[in-house]
Protein backbone atom coordinates (compact mmCIF):
# COMPACT_ATOMS: atom_id res chain seq x y z
CA UNK A 1 88.88 -78.60 43.14
CA UNK A 2 86.87 -78.68 46.00
CA UNK A 3 89.15 -80.63 48.54
CA UNK A 4 91.48 -77.58 47.85
CA UNK A 5 89.21 -75.15 48.96
CA UNK A 6 88.47 -76.73 52.18
CA UNK A 7 92.76 -76.68 52.83
CA UNK A 8 92.93 -72.75 51.92
CA UNK A 9 93.21 -70.25 54.64
CA UNK A 10 90.96 -71.43 57.56
CA UNK A 11 88.64 -73.39 55.36
CA UNK A 12 89.70 -77.29 57.48
CA UNK A 13 88.40 -75.97 60.41
CA UNK A 14 85.37 -73.74 58.91
CA UNK A 15 84.42 -77.03 56.88
CA UNK A 16 84.48 -79.29 59.51
CA UNK A 17 81.10 -80.22 61.29
CA UNK A 18 82.65 -81.38 64.18
CA UNK A 19 85.02 -79.93 66.07
CA UNK A 20 86.88 -82.20 69.54
CA UNK A 21 85.82 -79.45 72.46
CA UNK A 22 89.61 -79.70 72.96
CA UNK A 23 90.59 -77.79 69.92
CA UNK A 24 88.60 -75.96 70.19
CA UNK A 25 89.26 -74.25 73.98
CA UNK A 26 92.97 -74.42 72.57
CA UNK A 27 91.93 -72.06 69.76
CA UNK A 28 90.11 -69.98 72.41
CA UNK A 29 93.17 -70.01 74.89
CA UNK A 30 95.28 -69.16 72.12
CA UNK A 31 92.77 -65.63 71.11
CA UNK A 32 92.55 -64.63 74.29
CA UNK A 33 96.59 -64.93 74.99
CA UNK A 34 97.01 -63.10 72.31
CA UNK A 35 94.94 -60.17 72.92
CA UNK A 36 96.39 -60.21 76.82
CA UNK A 37 97.96 -56.90 78.16
CA UNK A 38 100.80 -57.08 80.86
CA UNK A 39 100.13 -54.68 84.02
CA UNK A 40 102.66 -51.67 83.80
CA UNK A 41 104.66 -51.12 87.15
CA UNK A 42 104.05 -47.65 88.26
CA UNK A 43 106.96 -46.16 90.41
CA UNK A 44 106.77 -44.53 93.66
CA UNK A 45 105.26 -40.96 92.47
CA UNK A 46 102.61 -42.30 90.27
CA UNK A 47 101.87 -44.53 93.73
CA UNK A 48 101.83 -41.06 95.72
CA UNK A 49 99.87 -39.09 93.09
CA UNK A 50 97.23 -41.89 93.11
CA UNK A 51 96.86 -42.14 96.79
CA UNK A 52 97.38 -38.42 97.02
CA UNK A 53 93.91 -38.49 94.07
CA UNK A 54 92.08 -41.02 96.90
CA UNK A 55 92.48 -39.15 100.11
CA UNK A 56 91.56 -35.74 98.69
CA UNK A 57 88.37 -37.73 96.85
CA UNK A 58 87.41 -39.39 100.36
CA UNK A 59 88.31 -36.54 102.56
CA UNK A 60 86.34 -33.78 100.58
CA UNK A 61 83.33 -36.20 98.82
CA UNK A 62 85.45 -34.66 95.18
CA UNK A 63 84.43 -37.02 92.15
CA UNK A 64 87.51 -38.81 90.93
CA UNK A 65 87.73 -40.92 88.14
CA UNK A 66 89.83 -43.84 88.26
CA UNK A 67 91.93 -45.57 84.99
CA UNK A 68 92.19 -49.48 85.57
CA UNK A 69 94.50 -52.65 85.01
CA UNK A 70 92.19 -55.20 83.15
CA UNK A 71 93.97 -58.15 81.28
CA UNK A 72 92.06 -57.20 78.02
CA UNK A 73 90.31 -53.70 77.51
CA UNK A 74 90.85 -50.41 79.04
CA UNK A 75 88.49 -49.62 82.22
CA UNK A 76 87.59 -46.84 83.82
CA UNK A 77 85.58 -45.80 86.63
CA UNK A 78 84.26 -42.48 88.23
CA UNK A 79 82.65 -42.25 91.38
CA UNK A 80 83.87 -41.06 95.26
CA UNK A 81 85.55 -42.82 97.69
CA UNK A 82 83.50 -43.76 100.70
CA UNK A 83 85.97 -46.00 102.31
CA UNK A 84 89.71 -46.62 102.21
CA UNK A 85 91.01 -50.21 103.81
CA UNK A 86 94.41 -49.65 104.27
CA UNK A 87 94.92 -53.05 105.99
CA UNK A 88 93.42 -54.75 102.51
CA UNK A 89 94.45 -51.97 100.21
CA UNK A 90 91.28 -51.91 98.45
CA UNK A 91 88.39 -48.55 98.66
CA UNK A 92 84.49 -48.38 97.79
CA UNK A 93 84.09 -46.22 95.14
CA UNK A 94 80.26 -45.13 95.27
CA UNK A 95 79.07 -44.77 91.83
CA UNK A 96 75.44 -43.86 92.07
CA UNK A 97 72.66 -43.61 94.79
CA UNK A 98 72.94 -47.27 96.02
CA UNK A 99 76.23 -47.89 93.43
CA UNK A 100 79.56 -48.44 94.77
CA UNK A 101 82.01 -50.89 93.71
CA UNK A 102 85.06 -52.75 95.89
CA UNK A 103 88.47 -51.82 93.59
CA UNK A 104 92.19 -52.52 95.02
CA UNK A 105 94.44 -50.08 95.18
CA UNK A 106 97.20 -51.93 93.43
CA UNK A 107 94.15 -52.59 90.13
CA UNK A 108 94.59 -48.43 89.87
CA UNK A 109 96.97 -47.19 87.26
CA UNK A 110 95.81 -43.40 87.33
CA UNK A 111 93.43 -41.20 88.84
CA UNK A 112 92.48 -37.92 88.38
CA UNK A 113 90.31 -35.71 90.97
CA UNK A 114 87.33 -32.93 88.99
């Protein structure tokens, strides 16, 4: 009866006191891959809207909210665009006094100016 319980569900792994590092890494890697999101392709019109919102935040010092691509979770950043590096396709988003973040323009999924 004890042996049968160990083999039910995930009991074999859970009841094992020792697991090879390769097996543990493989299990963790598989769990991460299952939750991974594919980056959506934006059309030209959406990219134009994003670029317009970035320019409005930069020139008018207006607060912007960006929704960014991340493989595993929804990411939002809010701040004011203070630097635009067109050759690197990056912006510097100031999020608070003395706080900023460099963001790749290609990682922006949507932008809204408030």
